[in-house]
């Protein structure tokens, strides 16, 4: 997926600006297309900048916990195989 020139926080800030003005004005000011702003609105909805930061932190923590769980499950499988071979 192509990396955007805007961070998620900037996207939400542009969306809030589009809420205060028109979508066309906000799009022209930030040099993005109107469909882009509508796509961002579909993706971010009514999130605020702080909500996006919190969401990003939660996603990072979630991925870290998934990795830990996968490693633990792998260790359990290895121990089961070792235990099965001993008998």
PDB file of N, CA and C in Angstrom:
ATOM      1  N   UNK A   1       0.831  -1.177   0.000  1.00  0.00           N
ATOM      2  CA  UNK A   1       0.000   0.000   0.000  1.00  0.00           C
ATOM      3  C   UNK A   1       0.878   1.244   0.000  1.00  0.00           C
ATOM      4  N   UNK A   2       0.466   2.235  -0.756  1.00  0.00           N
ATOM      5  CA  UNK A   2       1.224   3.469  -0.890  1.00  0.00           C
ATOM      6  C   UNK A   2       1.150   4.284   0.391  1.00  0.00           C
ATOM      7  N   UNK A   3       2.286   4.835   0.790  1.00  0.00           N
ATOM      8  CA  UNK A   3       2.329   5.655   1.994  1.00  0.00           C
ATOM      9  C   UNK A   3       1.786   7.039   1.675  1.00  0.00           C
ATOM     10  N   UNK A   4       0.951   7.534   2.565  1.00  0.00           N
ATOM     11  CA  UNK A   4       0.337   8.841   2.359  1.00  0.00           C
ATOM     12  C   UNK A   4       1.305   9.950   2.739  1.00  0.00           C
ATOM     13  N   UNK A   5       1.090  11.135   2.175  1.00  0.00           N
ATOM     14  CA  UNK A   5       1.928  12.262   2.572  1.00  0.00           C
ATOM     15  C   UNK A   5       1.484  12.826   3.904  1.00  0.00           C
ATOM     16  N   UNK A   6       0.303  12.458   4.337  1.00  0.00           N
ATOM     17  CA  UNK A   6      -0.246  12.970   5.588  1.00  0.00           C
ATOM     18  C   UNK A   6      -0.280  11.871   6.640  1.00  0.00           C
ATOM     19  N   UNK A   7      -0.024  12.266   7.883  1.00  0.00           N
ATOM     20  CA  UNK A   7      -0.189  11.314   8.983  1.00  0.00           C
ATOM     21  C   UNK A   7      -1.677  11.203   9.281  1.00  0.00           C
ATOM     22  N   UNK A   8      -2.028  10.210  10.057  1.00  0.00           N
ATOM     23  CA  UNK A   8      -3.435  10.029  10.403  1.00  0.00           C
ATOM     24  C   UNK A   8      -3.960  11.225  11.200  1.00  0.00           C
ATOM     25  N   UNK A   9      -3.108  11.786  12.047  1.00  0.00           N
ATOM     26  CA  UNK A   9      -3.522  12.956  12.821  1.00  0.00           C
ATOM     27  C   UNK A   9      -3.809  14.141  11.901  1.00  0.00           C
ATOM     28  N   UNK A  10      -2.962  14.314  10.879  1.00  0.00           N
ATOM     29  CA  UNK A  10      -3.182  15.405   9.930  1.00  0.00           C
ATOM     30  C   UNK A  10      -4.465  15.180   9.132  1.00  0.00           C
ATOM     31  N   UNK A  11      -4.719  13.931   8.772  1.00  0.00           N
ATOM     32  CA  UNK A  11      -5.942  13.626   8.036  1.00  0.00           C
ATOM     33  C   UNK A  11      -7.176  14.004   8.845  1.00  0.00           C
ATOM     34  N   UNK A  12      -7.163  13.654  10.127  1.00  0.00           N
ATOM     35  CA  UNK A  12      -8.305  13.976  10.989  1.00  0.00           C
ATOM     36  C   UNK A  12      -8.436  15.487  11.145  1.00  0.00           C
ATOM     37  N   UNK A  13      -7.317  16.193  11.266  1.00  0.00           N
ATOM     38  CA  UNK A  13      -7.370  17.649  11.374  1.00  0.00           C
ATOM     39  C   UNK A  13      -7.968  18.261  10.111  1.00  0.00           C
ATOM     40  N   UNK A  14      -7.610  17.736   8.946  1.00  0.00           N
ATOM     41  CA  UNK A  14      -8.176  18.223   7.690  1.00  0.00           C
ATOM     42  C   UNK A  14      -9.673  17.919   7.634  1.00  0.00           C
ATOM     43  N   UNK A  15     -10.067  16.754   8.134  1.00  0.00           N
ATOM     44  CA  UNK A  15     -11.491  16.418   8.171  1.00  0.00           C
ATOM     45  C   UNK A  15     -12.272  17.380   9.057  1.00  0.00           C
ATOM     46  N   UNK A  16     -11.710  17.715  10.215  1.00  0.00           N
ATOM     47  CA  UNK A  16     -12.404  18.650  11.110  1.00  0.00           C
ATOM     48  C   UNK A  16     -12.505  20.024  10.451  1.00  0.00           C
ATOM     49  N   UNK A  17     -11.471  20.394   9.704  1.00  0.00           N
ATOM     50  CA  UNK A  17     -11.518  21.658   8.973  1.00  0.00           C
ATOM     51  C   UNK A  17     -12.597  21.599   7.893  1.00  0.00           C
ATOM     52  N   UNK A  18     -12.727  20.450   7.222  1.00  0.00           N
ATOM     53  CA  UNK A  18     -13.758  20.280   6.200  1.00  0.00           C
ATOM     54  C   UNK A  18     -15.156  20.325   6.822  1.00  0.00           C
ATOM     55  N   UNK A  19     -15.275  19.930   8.082  1.00  0.00           N
ATOM     56  CA  UNK A  19     -16.556  20.033   8.773  1.00  0.00           C
ATOM     57  C   UNK A  19     -16.928  21.493   9.017  1.00  0.00           C
ATOM     58  N   UNK A  20     -15.924  22.322   9.314  1.00  0.00           N
ATOM     59  CA  UNK A  20     -16.179  23.739   9.590  1.00  0.00           C
ATOM     60  C   UNK A  20     -16.411  24.527   8.307  1.00  0.00           C
ATOM     61  N   UNK A  21     -15.704  24.182   7.243  1.00  0.00           N
ATOM     62  CA  UNK A  21     -15.853  24.870   5.954  1.00  0.00           C
ATOM     63  C   UNK A  21     -16.482  23.886   4.975  1.00  0.00           C
ATOM     64  N   UNK A  22     -16.268  24.096   3.708  1.00  0.00           N
ATOM     65  CA  UNK A  22     -16.753  23.118   2.731  1.00  0.00           C
ATOM     66  C   UNK A  22     -15.636  22.136   2.401  1.00  0.00           C
ATOM     67  N   UNK A  23     -16.039  20.993   1.901  1.00  0.00           N
ATOM     68  CA  UNK A  23     -15.067  19.961   1.523  1.00  0.00           C
ATOM     69  C   UNK A  23     -14.180  20.480   0.392  1.00  0.00           C
ATOM     70  N   UNK A  24     -14.774  21.204  -0.539  1.00  0.00           N
ATOM     71  CA  UNK A  24     -14.011  21.719  -1.677  1.00  0.00           C
ATOM     72  C   UNK A  24     -12.916  22.686  -1.223  1.00  0.00           C
ATOM     73  N   UNK A  25     -13.242  23.580  -0.270  1.00  0.00           N
ATOM     74  CA  UNK A  25     -12.241  24.531   0.220  1.00  0.00           C
ATOM     75  C   UNK A  25     -11.104  23.820   0.945  1.00  0.00           C
ATOM     76  N   UNK A  26     -11.444  22.866   1.796  1.00  0.00           N
ATOM     77  CA  UNK A  26     -10.416  22.134   2.535  1.00  0.00           C
ATOM     78  C   UNK A  26      -9.541  21.326   1.585  1.00  0.00           C
ATOM     79  N   UNK A  27     -10.162  20.731   0.581  1.00  0.00           N
ATOM     80  CA  UNK A  27      -9.399  19.938  -0.389  1.00  0.00           C
ATOM     81  C   UNK A  27      -8.437  20.820  -1.168  1.00  0.00           C
ATOM     82  N   UNK A  28      -8.909  21.973  -1.583  1.00  0.00           N
ATOM     83  CA  UNK A  28      -8.063  22.884  -2.350  1.00  0.00           C
ATOM     84  C   UNK A  28      -6.917  23.424  -1.504  1.00  0.00           C
ATOM     85  N   UNK A  29      -7.217  23.760  -0.245  1.00  0.00           N
ATOM     86  CA  UNK A  29      -6.189  24.311   0.651  1.00  0.00           C
ATOM     87  C   UNK A  29      -5.067  23.315   0.904  1.00  0.00           C
ATOM     88  N   UNK A  30      -5.412  22.055   1.079  1.00  0.00           N
ATOM     89  CA  UNK A  30      -4.411  21.038   1.423  1.00  0.00           C
ATOM     90  C   UNK A  30      -3.946  20.227   0.219  1.00  0.00           C
ATOM     91  N   UNK A  31      -4.427  20.615  -0.974  1.00  0.00           N
ATOM     92  CA  UNK A  31      -4.005  20.000  -2.231  1.00  0.00           C
ATOM     93  C   UNK A  31      -4.277  18.498  -2.272  1.00  0.00           C
ATOM     94  N   UNK A  32      -5.494  18.135  -1.888  1.00  0.00           N
ATOM     95  CA  UNK A  32      -5.970  16.764  -2.026  1.00  0.00           C
ATOM     96  C   UNK A  32      -7.292  16.824  -2.786  1.00  0.00           C
ATOM     97  N   UNK A  33      -7.726  15.695  -3.298  1.00  0.00           N
ATOM     98  CA  UNK A  33      -8.984  15.680  -4.036  1.00  0.00           C
ATOM     99  C   UNK A  33     -10.161  15.534  -3.068  1.00  0.00           C
ATOM    100  N   UNK A  34     -11.319  15.936  -3.531  1.00  0.00           N
ATOM    101  CA  UNK A  34     -12.523  15.802  -2.709  1.00  0.00           C
ATOM    102  C   UNK A  34     -12.837  14.339  -2.394  1.00  0.00           C
ATOM    103  N   UNK A  35     -12.702  13.428  -3.388  1.00  0.00           N
ATOM    104  CA  UNK A  35     -12.944  12.013  -3.043  1.00  0.00           C
ATOM    105  C   UNK A  35     -11.995  11.489  -1.960  1.00  0.00           C
ATOM    106  N   UNK A  36     -10.785  12.038  -1.903  1.00  0.00           N
ATOM    107  CA  UNK A  36      -9.850  11.634  -0.850  1.00  0.00           C
ATOM    108  C   UNK A  36     -10.400  12.015   0.515  1.00  0.00           C
ATOM    109  N   UNK A  37     -10.932  13.205   0.621  1.00  0.00           N
ATOM    110  CA  UNK A  37     -11.491  13.639   1.909  1.00  0.00           C
ATOM    111  C   UNK A  37     -12.684  12.767   2.282  1.00  0.00           C
ATOM    112  N   UNK A  38     -13.511  12.414   1.309  1.00  0.00           N
ATOM    113  CA  UNK A  38     -14.645  11.535   1.607  1.00  0.00           C
ATOM    114  C   UNK A  38     -14.175  10.139   2.019  1.00  0.00           C
ATOM    115  N   UNK A  39     -13.101   9.664   1.416  1.00  0.00           N
ATOM    116  CA  UNK A  39     -12.549   8.360   1.807  1.00  0.00           C
ATOM    117  C   UNK A  39     -12.002   8.415   3.230  1.00  0.00           C
ATOM    118  N   UNK A  40     -11.322   9.511   3.556  1.00  0.00           N
ATOM    119  CA  UNK A  40     -10.824   9.679   4.924  1.00  0.00           C
ATOM    120  C   UNK A  40     -11.985   9.722   5.901  1.00  0.00           C
ATOM    121  N   UNK A  41     -13.054  10.412   5.516  1.00  0.00           N
ATOM    122  CA  UNK A  41     -14.222  10.518   6.398  1.00  0.00           C
ATOM    123  C   UNK A  41     -14.828   9.147   6.642  1.00  0.00           C
ATOM    124  N   UNK A  42     -14.849   8.318   5.598  1.00  0.00           N
ATOM    125  CA  UNK A  42     -15.379   6.964   5.749  1.00  0.00           C
ATOM    126  C   UNK A  42     -14.493   6.153   6.701  1.00  0.00           C
ATOM    127  N   UNK A  43     -13.182   6.353   6.595  1.00  0.00           N
ATOM    128  CA  UNK A  43     -12.231   5.587   7.399  1.00  0.00           C
ATOM    129  C   UNK A  43     -12.173   6.075   8.841  1.00  0.00           C
ATOM    130  N   UNK A  44     -12.120   7.390   9.047  1.00  0.00           N
ATOM    131  CA  UNK A  44     -11.918   7.926  10.386  1.00  0.00           C
ATOM    132  C   UNK A  44     -13.209   8.366  11.072  1.00  0.00           C
ATOM    133  N   UNK A  45     -14.270   8.554  10.326  1.00  0.00           N
ATOM    134  CA  UNK A  45     -15.552   8.906  10.917  1.00  0.00           C
ATOM    135  C   UNK A  45     -15.475  10.165  11.752  1.00  0.00           C
ATOM    136  N   UNK A  46     -15.909  10.079  12.984  1.00  0.00           N
ATOM    137  CA  UNK A  46     -15.961  11.235  13.878  1.00  0.00           C
ATOM    138  C   UNK A  46     -14.809  11.246  14.880  1.00  0.00           C
ATOM    139  N   UNK A  47     -13.721  10.564  14.565  1.00  0.00           N
ATOM    140  CA  UNK A  47     -12.581  10.530  15.471  1.00  0.00           C
ATOM    141  C   UNK A  47     -11.933  11.908  15.591  1.00  0.00           C
ATOM    142  N   UNK A  48     -11.401  12.175  16.762  1.00  0.00           N
ATOM    143  CA  UNK A  48     -10.611  13.386  16.980  1.00  0.00           C
ATOM    144  C   UNK A  48      -9.135  13.000  16.903  1.00  0.00           C
ATOM    145  N   UNK A  49      -8.275  14.000  16.896  1.00  0.00           N
ATOM    146  CA  UNK A  49      -6.826  13.744  16.782  1.00  0.00           C
ATOM    147  C   UNK A  49      -6.349  12.886  17.949  1.00  0.00           C
ATOM    148  N   UNK A  50      -6.813  13.181  19.152  1.00  0.00           N
ATOM    149  CA  UNK A  50      -6.399  12.407  20.327  1.00  0.00           C
ATOM    150  C   UNK A  50      -6.873  10.961  20.211  1.00  0.00           C
ATOM    151  N   UNK A  51      -8.060  10.764  19.637  1.00  0.00           N
ATOM    152  CA  UNK A  51      -8.581   9.410  19.459  1.00  0.00           C
ATOM    153  C   UNK A  51      -7.711   8.607  18.502  1.00  0.00           C
ATOM    154  N   UNK A  52      -7.220   9.263  17.465  1.00  0.00           N
ATOM    155  CA  UNK A  52      -6.364   8.576  16.487  1.00  0.00           C
ATOM    156  C   UNK A  52      -5.052   8.164  17.144  1.00  0.00           C
ATOM    157  N   UNK A  53      -4.485   9.049  17.960  1.00  0.00           N
ATOM    158  CA  UNK A  53      -3.245   8.705  18.654  1.00  0.00           C
ATOM    159  C   UNK A  53      -3.466   7.524  19.588  1.00  0.00           C
ATOM    160  N   UNK A  54      -4.588   7.530  20.309  1.00  0.00           N
ATOM    161  CA  UNK A  54      -4.903   6.430  21.229  1.00  0.00           C
ATOM    162  C   UNK A  54      -5.132   5.134  20.450  1.00  0.00           C
ATOM    163  N   UNK A  55      -5.820   5.230  19.319  1.00  0.00           N
ATOM    164  CA  UNK A  55      -6.063   4.056  18.493  1.00  0.00           C
ATOM    165  C   UNK A  55      -4.755   3.461  17.992  1.00  0.00           C
ATOM    166  N   UNK A  56      -3.835   4.323  17.562  1.00  0.00           N
ATOM    167  CA  UNK A  56      -2.541   3.849  17.080  1.00  0.00           C
ATOM    168  C   UNK A  56      -1.767   3.154  18.204  1.00  0.00           C
ATOM    169  N   UNK A  57      -1.812   3.723  19.414  1.00  0.00           N
ATOM    170  CA  UNK A  57      -1.127   3.110  20.555  1.00  0.00           C
ATOM    171  C   UNK A  57      -1.738   1.753  20.886  1.00  0.00           C
ATOM    172  N   UNK A  58      -3.062   1.672  20.832  1.00  0.00           N
ATOM    173  CA  UNK A  58      -3.725   0.396  21.108  1.00  0.00           C
ATOM    174  C   UNK A  58      -3.393  -0.653  20.048  1.00  0.00           C
ATOM    175  N   UNK A  59      -3.293  -0.244  18.792  1.00  0.00           N
ATOM    176  CA  UNK A  59      -2.932  -1.187  17.733  1.00  0.00           C
ATOM    177  C   UNK A  59      -1.510  -1.707  17.917  1.00  0.00           C
ATOM    178  N   UNK A  60      -0.599  -0.828  18.325  1.00  0.00           N
ATOM    179  CA  UNK A  60       0.776  -1.270  18.585  1.00  0.00           C
ATOM    180  C   UNK A  60       0.821  -2.251  19.753  1.00  0.00           C
ATOM    181  N   UNK A  61       0.105  -1.947  20.816  1.00  0.00           N
ATOM    182  CA  UNK A  61       0.076  -2.836  21.971  1.00  0.00           C
ATOM    183  C   UNK A  61      -0.556  -4.175  21.596  1.00  0.00           C
ATOM    184  N   UNK A  62      -1.611  -4.129  20.801  1.00  0.00           N
ATOM    185  CA  UNK A  62      -2.282  -5.350  20.374  1.00  0.00           C
ATOM    186  C   UNK A  62      -1.353  -6.230  19.549  1.00  0.00           C
ATOM    187  N   UNK A  63      -0.601  -5.634  18.635  1.00  0.00           N
ATOM    188  CA  UNK A  63       0.319  -6.434  17.826  1.00  0.00           C
ATOM    189  C   UNK A  63       1.432  -7.027  18.686  1.00  0.00           C
ATOM    190  N   UNK A  64       1.909  -6.265  19.676  1.00  0.00           N
ATOM    191  CA  UNK A  64       2.941  -6.781  20.577  1.00  0.00           C
ATOM    192  C   UNK A  64       2.408  -7.966  21.384  1.00  0.00           C
ATOM    193  N   UNK A  65       1.175  -7.848  21.874  1.00  0.00           N
ATOM    194  CA  UNK A  65       0.586  -8.934  22.657  1.00  0.00           C
ATOM    195  C   UNK A  65       0.327 -10.172  21.795  1.00  0.00           C
ATOM    196  N   UNK A  66      -0.076  -9.976  20.543  1.00  0.00           N
ATOM    197  CA  UNK A  66      -0.275 -11.112  19.640  1.00  0.00           C
ATOM    198  C   UNK A  66       1.034 -11.846  19.396  1.00  0.00           C
ATOM    199  N   UNK A  67       2.104 -11.071  19.252  1.00  0.00           N
ATOM    200  CA  UNK A  67       3.412 -11.681  19.036  1.00  0.00           C
ATOM    201  C   UNK A  67       3.836 -12.497  20.264  1.00  0.00           C
ATOM    202  N   UNK A  68       3.618 -11.937  21.457  1.00  0.00           N
ATOM    203  CA  UNK A  68       3.941 -12.659  22.687  1.00  0.00           C
ATOM    204  C   UNK A  68       3.133 -13.949  22.809  1.00  0.00           C
ATOM    205  N   UNK A  69       1.864 -13.881  22.471  1.00  0.00           N
ATOM    206  CA  UNK A  69       1.008 -15.063  22.540  1.00  0.00           C
ATOM    207  C   UNK A  69       1.473 -16.127  21.554  1.00  0.00           C
ATOM    208  N   UNK A  70       1.852 -15.725  20.360  1.00  0.00           N
ATOM    209  CA  UNK A  70       2.330 -16.682  19.360  1.00  0.00           C
ATOM    210  C   UNK A  70       3.626 -17.347  19.826  1.00  0.00           C
ATOM    211  N   UNK A  71       4.525 -16.569  20.410  1.00  0.00           N
ATOM    212  CA  UNK A  71       5.774 -17.140  20.923  1.00  0.00           C
ATOM    213  C   UNK A  71       5.503 -18.120  22.061  1.00  0.00           C
ATOM    214  N   UNK A  72       4.567 -17.778  22.935  1.00  0.00           N
ATOM    215  CA  UNK A  72       4.234 -18.658  24.049  1.00  0.00           C
ATOM    216  C   UNK A  72       3.637 -19.956  23.538  1.00  0.00           C
ATOM    217  N   UNK A  73       2.729 -19.873  22.551  1.00  0.00           N
ATOM    218  CA  UNK A  73       2.130 -21.077  21.984  1.00  0.00           C
ATOM    219  C   UNK A  73       3.185 -21.956  21.323  1.00  0.00           C
ATOM    220  N   UNK A  74       4.163 -21.327  20.666  1.00  0.00           N
ATOM    221  CA  UNK A  74       5.239 -22.077  20.038  1.00  0.00           C
ATOM    222  C   UNK A  74       6.070 -22.797  21.100  1.00  0.00           C
ATOM    223  N   UNK A  75       6.375 -22.123  22.205  1.00  0.00           N
ATOM    224  CA  UNK A  75       7.120 -22.748  23.295  1.00  0.00           C
ATOM    225  C   UNK A  75       6.360 -23.942  23.869  1.00  0.00           C
ATOM    226  N   UNK A  76       5.063 -23.805  24.012  1.00  0.00           N
ATOM    227  CA  UNK A  76       4.244 -24.905  24.542  1.00  0.00           C
ATOM    228  C   UNK A  76       4.288 -26.099  23.600  1.00  0.00           C
ATOM    229  N   UNK A  77       4.188 -25.850  22.304  1.00  0.00           N
ATOM    230  CA  UNK A  77       4.246 -26.942  21.327  1.00  0.00           C
ATOM    231  C   UNK A  77       5.594 -27.654  21.371  1.00  0.00           C
ATOM    232  N   UNK A  78       6.669 -26.895  21.492  1.00  0.00           N
ATOM    233  CA  UNK A  78       8.003 -27.487  21.570  1.00  0.00           C
ATOM    234  C   UNK A  78       8.118 -28.359  22.821  1.00  0.00           C
ATOM    235  N   UNK A  79       7.640 -27.859  23.943  1.00  0.00           N
ATOM    236  CA  UNK A  79       7.696 -28.638  25.175  1.00  0.00           C
ATOM    237  C   UNK A  79       6.855 -29.906  25.085  1.00  0.00           C
ATOM    238  N   UNK A  80       5.712 -29.841  24.417  1.00  0.00           N
ATOM    239  CA  UNK A  80       4.884 -31.032  24.239  1.00  0.00           C
ATOM    240  C   UNK A  80       5.613 -32.074  23.398  1.00  0.00           C
ATOM    241  N   UNK A  81       6.288 -31.619  22.336  1.00  0.00           N
ATOM    242  CA  UNK A  81       7.034 -32.559  21.489  1.00  0.00           C
ATOM    243  C   UNK A  81       8.173 -33.195  22.264  1.00  0.00           C
ATOM    244  N   UNK A  82       8.877 -32.412  23.054  1.00  0.00           N
ATOM    245  CA  UNK A  82       9.982 -32.941  23.852  1.00  0.00           C
ATOM    246  C   UNK A  82       9.455 -33.956  24.859  1.00  0.00           C
ATOM    247  N   UNK A  83       8.345 -33.639  25.490  1.00  0.00           N
ATOM    248  CA  UNK A  83       7.763 -34.518  26.493  1.00  0.00           C
ATOM    249  C   UNK A  83       7.261 -35.811  25.853  1.00  0.00           C
ATOM    250  N   UNK A  84       6.730 -35.743  24.666  1.00  0.00           N
ATOM    251  CA  UNK A  84       6.242 -36.937  23.979  1.00  0.00           C
ATOM    252  C   UNK A  84       7.396 -37.850  23.584  1.00  0.00           C
ATOM    253  N   UNK A  85       8.529 -37.297  23.238  1.00  0.00           N
ATOM    254  CA  UNK A  85       9.671 -38.112  22.812  1.00  0.00           C
ATOM    255  C   UNK A  85      10.367 -38.779  23.996  1.00  0.00           C
ATOM    256  N   UNK A  86      10.251 -38.226  25.200  1.00  0.00           N
ATOM    257  CA  UNK A  86      10.916 -38.811  26.361  1.00  0.00           C
ATOM    258  C   UNK A  86      10.300 -40.164  26.721  1.00  0.00           C
ATOM    259  N   UNK A  87       9.043 -40.325  26.571  1.00  0.00           N
ATOM    260  CA  UNK A  87       8.397 -41.566  26.980  1.00  0.00           C
ATOM    261  C   UNK A  87       8.449 -42.519  25.832  1.00  0.00           C
TER     262      UNK A  87
END
